[in-house]
C-alpha atoms as a PDB file:
ATOM      1  CA  MET A   1      -7.904  -0.695   4.269  1.00  0.00           C
ATOM      2  CA  ALA A   2      -8.724  -2.701   1.531  1.00  0.00           C
ATOM      3  CA  SER A   3     -12.401  -1.216   0.053  1.00  0.00           C
ATOM      4  CA  LEU A   4     -14.081  -1.809  -2.753  1.00  0.00           C
ATOM      5  CA  PHE A   5     -12.127  -1.256  -6.154  1.00  0.00           C
ATOM      6  CA  GLU A   6      -9.841   0.656  -4.190  1.00  0.00           C
ATOM      7  CA  CYS A   7      -8.112   3.651  -4.992  1.00  0.00           C
ATOM      8  CA  GLU A   8      -4.922   4.888  -3.324  1.00  0.00           C
ATOM      9  CA  VAL A   9      -1.786   7.381  -3.035  1.00  0.00           C
ATOM     10  CA  ARG A  10       0.892   7.002  -0.903  1.00  0.00           C
ATOM     11  CA  TYR A  11       2.797  10.021   0.404  1.00  0.00           C
ATOM     12  CA  LYS A  12       6.213  10.043   1.483  1.00  0.00           C
ATOM     13  CA  ILE A  13       6.759  11.490   5.483  1.00  0.00           C
ATOM     14  CA  GLU A  14       9.847  13.928   6.172  1.00  0.00           C
ATOM     15  CA  ASN A  15       9.273  13.971   9.865  1.00  0.00           C
ATOM     16  CA  ILE A  16       6.977  11.398  11.303  1.00  0.00           C
ATOM     17  CA  LYS A  17       7.090  12.709  14.896  1.00  0.00           C
ATOM     18  CA  GLU A  18       5.889  16.337  13.658  1.00  0.00           C
ATOM     19  CA  PHE A  19       3.931  14.199  11.023  1.00  0.00           C
ATOM     20  CA  GLU A  20       2.354  12.384  14.214  1.00  0.00           C
ATOM     21  CA  GLY A  21       2.001  15.016  16.709  1.00  0.00           C
ATOM     22  CA  LYS A  22      -0.070  16.953  13.761  1.00  0.00           C
ATOM     23  CA  ILE A  23      -2.738  14.676  13.283  1.00  0.00           C
ATOM     24  CA  LYS A  24      -3.450  13.756  16.852  1.00  0.00           C
ATOM     25  CA  LYS A  25      -3.554  17.412  17.261  1.00  0.00           C
ATOM     26  CA  MET A  26      -6.514  17.308  14.339  1.00  0.00           C
ATOM     27  CA  GLY A  27      -8.093  14.850  16.706  1.00  0.00           C
ATOM     28  CA  ALA A  28      -6.780  11.315  14.722  1.00  0.00           C
ATOM     29  CA  LYS A  29      -7.609   8.004  16.331  1.00  0.00           C
ATOM     30  CA  LEU A  30      -5.404   5.223  17.038  1.00  0.00           C
ATOM     31  CA  LEU A  31      -7.017   2.548  15.635  1.00  0.00           C
ATOM     32  CA  TYR A  32      -4.170  -0.202  15.619  1.00  0.00           C
ATOM     33  CA  PRO A  33      -0.647  -1.023  15.109  1.00  0.00           C
ATOM     34  CA  TYR A  34       0.762  -3.543  12.560  1.00  0.00           C
ATOM     35  CA  GLU A  35       3.822  -4.910  10.886  1.00  0.00           C
ATOM     36  CA  PHE A  36       4.163  -7.489   8.430  1.00  0.00           C
ATOM     37  CA  THR A  37       7.176  -8.580   5.377  1.00  0.00           C
ATOM     38  CA  ASP A  38       5.872  -9.140   2.075  1.00  0.00           C
ATOM     39  CA  TYR A  39       7.727 -10.994  -0.300  1.00  0.00           C
ATOM     40  CA  TYR A  40       7.017  -9.879  -3.918  1.00  0.00           C
ATOM     41  CA  TYR A  41       7.511 -12.692  -6.920  1.00  0.00           C
ATOM     42  CA  GLY A  42       7.224 -11.892 -10.835  1.00  0.00           C
ATOM     43  CA  PRO A  43       7.383 -14.443 -13.518  1.00  0.00           C
ATOM     44  CA  LYS A  44      10.926 -15.899 -14.856  1.00  0.00           C
ATOM     45  CA  ASP A  45      10.072 -15.053 -18.340  1.00  0.00           C
ATOM     46  CA  LYS A  46       9.248 -11.395 -17.938  1.00  0.00           C
ATOM     47  CA  ASN A  47       8.806  -8.311 -16.335  1.00  0.00           C
ATOM     48  CA  TRP A  48       5.737  -7.207 -14.674  1.00  0.00           C
ATOM     49  CA  ASP A  49       5.346  -3.335 -14.405  1.00  0.00           C
ATOM     50  CA  LEU A  50       4.851  -3.273 -10.394  1.00  0.00           C
ATOM     51  CA  VAL A  51       2.339  -0.232 -10.350  1.00  0.00           C
ATOM     52  CA  ARG A  52      -0.002  -2.674 -12.461  1.00  0.00           C
ATOM     53  CA  GLU A  53       0.744  -6.117 -11.066  1.00  0.00           C
ATOM     54  CA  ASN A  54       1.937  -7.712  -8.083  1.00  0.00           C
ATOM     55  CA  LEU A  55       2.214 -11.290  -6.276  1.00  0.00           C
ATOM     56  CA  ARG A  56       3.099 -11.201  -2.752  1.00  0.00           C
ATOM     57  CA  ILE A  57       3.112 -13.479   0.071  1.00  0.00           C
ATOM     58  CA  ARG A  58       2.145 -11.400   3.299  1.00  0.00           C
ATOM     59  CA  GLU A  59       3.300 -12.564   6.476  1.00  0.00           C
ATOM     60  CA  TRP A  60       1.976 -11.173   9.440  1.00  0.00           C
ATOM     61  CA  LYS A  61       3.939 -10.425  12.569  1.00  0.00           C
ATOM     62  CA  GLU A  62       1.513  -8.246  14.081  1.00  0.00           C
ATOM     63  CA  PRO A  63      -1.518  -8.460  14.666  1.00  0.00           C
ATOM     64  CA  LYS A  64      -1.676 -12.160  14.033  1.00  0.00           C
ATOM     65  CA  ASN A  65      -3.537 -12.831  10.738  1.00  0.00           C
ATOM     66  CA  PRO A  66      -2.758 -16.057   8.340  1.00  0.00           C
ATOM     67  CA  THR A  67       0.222 -16.128   6.221  1.00  0.00           C
ATOM     68  CA  THR A  68      -1.586 -15.241   2.779  1.00  0.00           C
ATOM     69  CA  ILE A  69      -0.812 -15.209  -1.090  1.00  0.00           C
ATOM     70  CA  TYR A  70      -2.218 -12.346  -2.425  1.00  0.00           C
ATOM     71  CA  PHE A  71      -2.544 -11.054  -6.624  1.00  0.00           C
ATOM     72  CA  VAL A  72      -3.508  -7.155  -7.289  1.00  0.00           C
ATOM     73  CA  LYS A  73      -3.962  -5.983 -10.707  1.00  0.00           C
ATOM     74  CA  ASN A  74      -3.780  -1.687 -10.938  1.00  0.00           C
ATOM     75  CA  GLU A  75      -4.757   0.826 -13.421  1.00  0.00           C
ATOM     76  CA  VAL A  76      -3.350   4.093 -13.207  1.00  0.00           C
ATOM     77  CA  VAL A  77      -5.867   7.100 -13.321  1.00  0.00           C
ATOM     78  CA  SER A  78      -5.636  10.559 -14.357  1.00  0.00           C
ATOM     79  CA  ILE A  79      -7.950  13.141 -13.451  1.00  0.00           C
ATOM     80  CA  GLY A  80      -6.922  16.269 -14.046  1.00  0.00           C
ATOM     81  CA  ASN A  81      -3.738  16.918 -12.207  1.00  0.00           C
ATOM     82  CA  VAL A  82      -4.333  14.081  -9.763  1.00  0.00           C
ATOM     83  CA  ARG A  83      -3.057  10.399 -10.394  1.00  0.00           C
ATOM     84  CA  PHE A  84      -3.425   7.392  -8.276  1.00  0.00           C
ATOM     85  CA  LYS A  85      -3.728   3.762  -8.559  1.00  0.00           C
ATOM     86  CA  ARG A  86      -7.300   1.788  -8.824  1.00  0.00           C
ATOM     87  CA  ALA A  87      -7.722  -2.012  -8.021  1.00  0.00           C
ATOM     88  CA  LEU A  88      -9.431  -3.632 -11.175  1.00  0.00           C
ATOM     89  CA  TYR A  89     -10.428  -6.296  -8.931  1.00  0.00           C
ATOM     90  CA  PRO A  90     -13.516  -5.421  -6.364  1.00  0.00           C
ATOM     91  CA  GLN A  91     -11.225  -6.656  -3.058  1.00  0.00           C
ATOM     92  CA  GLY A  92      -8.464  -5.253  -4.113  1.00  0.00           C
ATOM     93  CA  LYS A  93      -5.786  -7.648  -3.091  1.00  0.00           C
ATOM     94  CA  VAL A  94      -6.968 -10.940  -4.210  1.00  0.00           C
ATOM     95  CA  PRO A  95      -6.253 -13.407  -1.872  1.00  0.00           C
ATOM     96  CA  LEU A  96      -5.262 -17.020  -3.629  1.00  0.00           C
ATOM     97  CA  PHE A  97      -4.012 -18.694  -0.575  1.00  0.00           C
ATOM     98  CA  SER A  98      -3.236 -19.055   3.144  1.00  0.00           C
ATOM     99  CA  GLY A  99      -1.024 -21.404   4.799  1.00  0.00           C
ATOM    100  CA  LYS A 100       2.383 -21.604   6.097  1.00  0.00           C
ATOM    101  CA  LEU A 101       5.123 -19.492   4.967  1.00  0.00           C
ATOM    102  CA  LYS A 102       7.209 -22.319   3.714  1.00  0.00           C
ATOM    103  CA  VAL A 103       4.154 -23.743   1.905  1.00  0.00           C
ATOM    104  CA  CYS A 104       3.318 -20.597   0.195  1.00  0.00           C
ATOM    105  CA  LYS A 105       6.644 -19.999  -1.447  1.00  0.00           C
ATOM    106  CA  SER A 106       7.010 -23.393  -2.674  1.00  0.00           C
ATOM    107  CA  LEU A 107       3.287 -22.963  -3.946  1.00  0.00           C
ATOM    108  CA  ILE A 108       4.903 -19.891  -6.115  1.00  0.00           C
ATOM    109  CA  ASP A 109       7.766 -22.058  -7.334  1.00  0.00           C
ATOM    110  CA  ASP A 110       5.751 -24.725  -8.424  1.00  0.00           C
ATOM    111  CA  LEU A 111       3.678 -22.229 -10.394  1.00  0.00           C
ATOM    112  CA  GLY A 112       7.076 -20.641 -11.890  1.00  0.00           C
ATOM    113  CA  PHE A 113       7.159 -17.749 -10.350  1.00  0.00           C
ATOM    114  CA  LYS A 114      10.908 -16.033  -9.032  1.00  0.00           C
ATOM    115  CA  LYS A 115      11.363 -13.932  -5.890  1.00  0.00           C
ATOM    116  CA  LEU A 116      12.038 -10.179  -6.792  1.00  0.00           C
ATOM    117  CA  PHE A 117      12.559  -8.623  -2.924  1.00  0.00           C
ATOM    118  CA  THR A 118      11.424  -8.369   0.499  1.00  0.00           C
ATOM    119  CA  VAL A 119       9.774  -5.627   1.613  1.00  0.00           C
ATOM    120  CA  LYS A 120       9.218  -5.287   5.596  1.00  0.00           C
ATOM    121  CA  LYS A 121       6.741  -2.565   7.288  1.00  0.00           C
ATOM    122  CA  GLU A 122       7.662  -1.698  10.694  1.00  0.00           C
ATOM    123  CA  LYS A 123       6.334   0.310  13.271  1.00  0.00           C
ATOM    124  CA  ALA A 124       3.127   0.802  11.315  1.00  0.00           C
ATOM    125  CA  THR A 125      -0.295   2.290  12.703  1.00  0.00           C
ATOM    126  CA  PHE A 126      -3.438   2.837  11.033  1.00  0.00           C
ATOM    127  CA  TRP A 127      -5.258   6.002  12.000  1.00  0.00           C
ATOM    128  CA  GLU A 128      -8.967   7.419  11.320  1.00  0.00           C
ATOM    129  CA  LEU A 129      -9.668  11.001  11.557  1.00  0.00           C
ATOM    130  CA  PRO A 130     -12.588  13.077  12.304  1.00  0.00           C
ATOM    131  CA  GLN A 131     -12.567  14.481   9.261  1.00  0.00           C
ATOM    132  CA  GLY A 132     -14.280  11.467   7.795  1.00  0.00           C
ATOM    133  CA  PHE A 133     -11.228   9.178   6.251  1.00  0.00           C
ATOM    134  CA  LYS A 134      -8.657   7.135   7.748  1.00  0.00           C
ATOM    135  CA  THR A 135      -4.785   6.796   6.713  1.00  0.00           C
ATOM    136  CA  VAL A 136      -1.710   4.791   7.773  1.00  0.00           C
ATOM    137  CA  LEU A 137       2.139   5.744   8.455  1.00  0.00           C
ATOM    138  CA  GLU A 138       4.480   2.825   7.650  1.00  0.00           C
ATOM    139  CA  TYR A 139       8.382   2.844   8.180  1.00  0.00           C
ATOM    140  CA  ILE A 140       9.511   0.943   5.065  1.00  0.00           C
ATOM    141  CA  ARG A 141      13.000  -0.537   5.285  1.00  0.00           C
ATOM    142  CA  GLY A 142      15.081   0.928   2.712  1.00  0.00           C
ATOM    143  CA  ILE A 143      13.084   3.783   1.590  1.00  0.00           C
ATOM    144  CA  GLY A 144      11.790   5.682   4.716  1.00  0.00           C
ATOM    145  CA  TRP A 145       8.426   6.601   6.269  1.00  0.00           C
ATOM    146  CA  TRP A 146       5.299   6.566   4.193  1.00  0.00           C
ATOM    147  CA  GLY A 147       1.642   7.089   4.723  1.00  0.00           C
ATOM    148  CA  GLU A 148      -1.364   6.026   2.043  1.00  0.00           C
ATOM    149  CA  LEU A 149      -4.730   7.159   1.625  1.00  0.00           C
ATOM    150  CA  GLU A 150      -7.316   4.923   0.071  1.00  0.00           C
ATOM    151  CA  PHE A 151     -11.175   5.715  -0.896  1.00  0.00           C
ATOM    152  CA  LYS A 152     -13.955   3.413  -2.424  1.00  0.00           C
ATOM    153  CA  GLY A 153     -13.289   3.346  -6.307  1.00  0.00           C
ATOM    154  CA  GLU A 154     -16.373   2.580  -7.633  1.00  0.00           C
ATOM    155  CA  ASN A 155     -16.444   6.136  -8.652  1.00  0.00           C
ATOM    156  CA  PRO A 156     -13.006   7.237  -9.504  1.00  0.00           C
ATOM    157  CA  ALA A 157     -13.963  10.985  -9.612  1.00  0.00           C
ATOM    158  CA  PHE A 158     -15.173  11.094  -6.182  1.00  0.00           C
ATOM    159  CA  ALA A 159     -12.344   9.088  -5.312  1.00  0.00           C
ATOM    160  CA  LYS A 160     -10.057  11.608  -6.714  1.00  0.00           C
ATOM    161  CA  LYS A 161     -12.174  14.741  -4.477  1.00  0.00           C
ATOM    162  CA  GLU A 162     -11.537  12.375  -1.767  1.00  0.00           C
ATOM    163  CA  ILE A 163      -8.157  12.303  -2.195  1.00  0.00           C
ATOM    164  CA  GLU A 164      -7.524  15.788  -2.908  1.00  0.00           C
ATOM    165  CA  ARG A 165      -9.724  16.830   0.227  1.00  0.00           C
ATOM    166  CA  ALA A 166      -7.195  14.407   2.705  1.00  0.00           C
ATOM    167  CA  LEU A 167      -4.248  15.530   1.116  1.00  0.00           C
ATOM    168  CA  LYS A 168      -5.269  19.169   1.871  1.00  0.00           C
ATOM    169  CA  ILE A 169      -6.468  18.342   5.255  1.00  0.00           C
ATOM    170  CA  LEU A 170      -2.826  16.528   6.226  1.00  0.00           C
ATOM    171  CA  GLY A 171      -1.062  19.407   4.745  1.00  0.00           C
ATOM    172  CA  ILE A 172       0.873  17.123   1.861  1.00  0.00           C
ATOM    173  CA  LYS A 173       3.178  18.342  -0.583  1.00  0.00           C
ATOM    174  CA  LYS A 174       2.433  17.490  -3.924  1.00  0.00           C
ATOM    175  CA  GLU A 175       5.669  16.175  -4.659  1.00  0.00           C
ATOM    176  CA  ASN A 176       5.366  13.963  -1.708  1.00  0.00           C
ATOM    177  CA  VAL A 177       2.573  12.087  -3.446  1.00  0.00           C
ATOM    178  CA  SER A 178       3.038   9.097  -5.659  1.00  0.00           C
ATOM    179  CA  TYR A 179      -0.152   6.807  -7.104  1.00  0.00           C
ATOM    180  CA  LYS A 180       2.868   3.968  -7.386  1.00  0.00           C
ATOM    181  CA  THR A 181       2.448   0.618  -5.172  1.00  0.00           C
ATOM    182  CA  VAL A 182       4.934  -0.114  -2.544  1.00  0.00           C
ATOM    183  CA  SER A 183       6.469  -2.637  -4.683  1.00  0.00           C
ATOM    184  CA  ALA A 184       7.336   0.064  -7.440  1.00  0.00           C
ATOM    185  CA  ILE A 185       8.605   2.420  -5.062  1.00  0.00           C
ATOM    186  CA  PHE A 186      11.011  -0.020  -3.319  1.00  0.00           C
ATOM    187  CA  SER A 187      12.341  -1.689  -6.774  1.00  0.00           C
ATOM    188  CA  GLU A 188      13.293   1.850  -8.154  1.00  0.00           C
ATOM    189  CA  LYS A 189      15.452   2.702  -4.678  1.00  0.00           C
ATOM    190  CA  ILE A 190      16.993  -0.568  -4.756  1.00  0.00           C
ATOM    191  CA  LYS A 191      17.925  -0.220  -8.639  1.00  0.00           C
ATOM    192  CA  ARG A 192      19.750   3.227  -7.699  1.00  0.00           C
END
């Protein structure tokens, strides 16, 4: 869903069948299904704040896309009572290299990074709603069903309004919304 200086939140989905049924009744159109595995890495000599920095290899299962190393740097933006993450590079996820998984892993090892964990996104779907926004629904092995909303972030105040509007339309409870990255949410879960 990459957009310019992407601003996004994630939301926990308590009942996927009910939620899918709800967005279909709202006129949501399925754009495509997808599935991939992300291999997360970090520096050997320090710990990154996974909300703010991420280095990963994305290996696609569906659709067929190149296996790519991505780097992401974010800031957390708080406007009023809304917090979201905002990418600090215009592309959001900056592609560093594409090639075979083995070569990507070797390159990251040679650069001095250590493997942190693996996140698998399965049964994922990308939806467009007639109310003027898109969302994804993803089963993330180990943490369950999550959705994501993402808006252009050149103007964070505008992105905040769009996030609030979309959450209201979708009927997402405030306690189910997180500004954190998947890697941070996953890491917190496996540390418990």
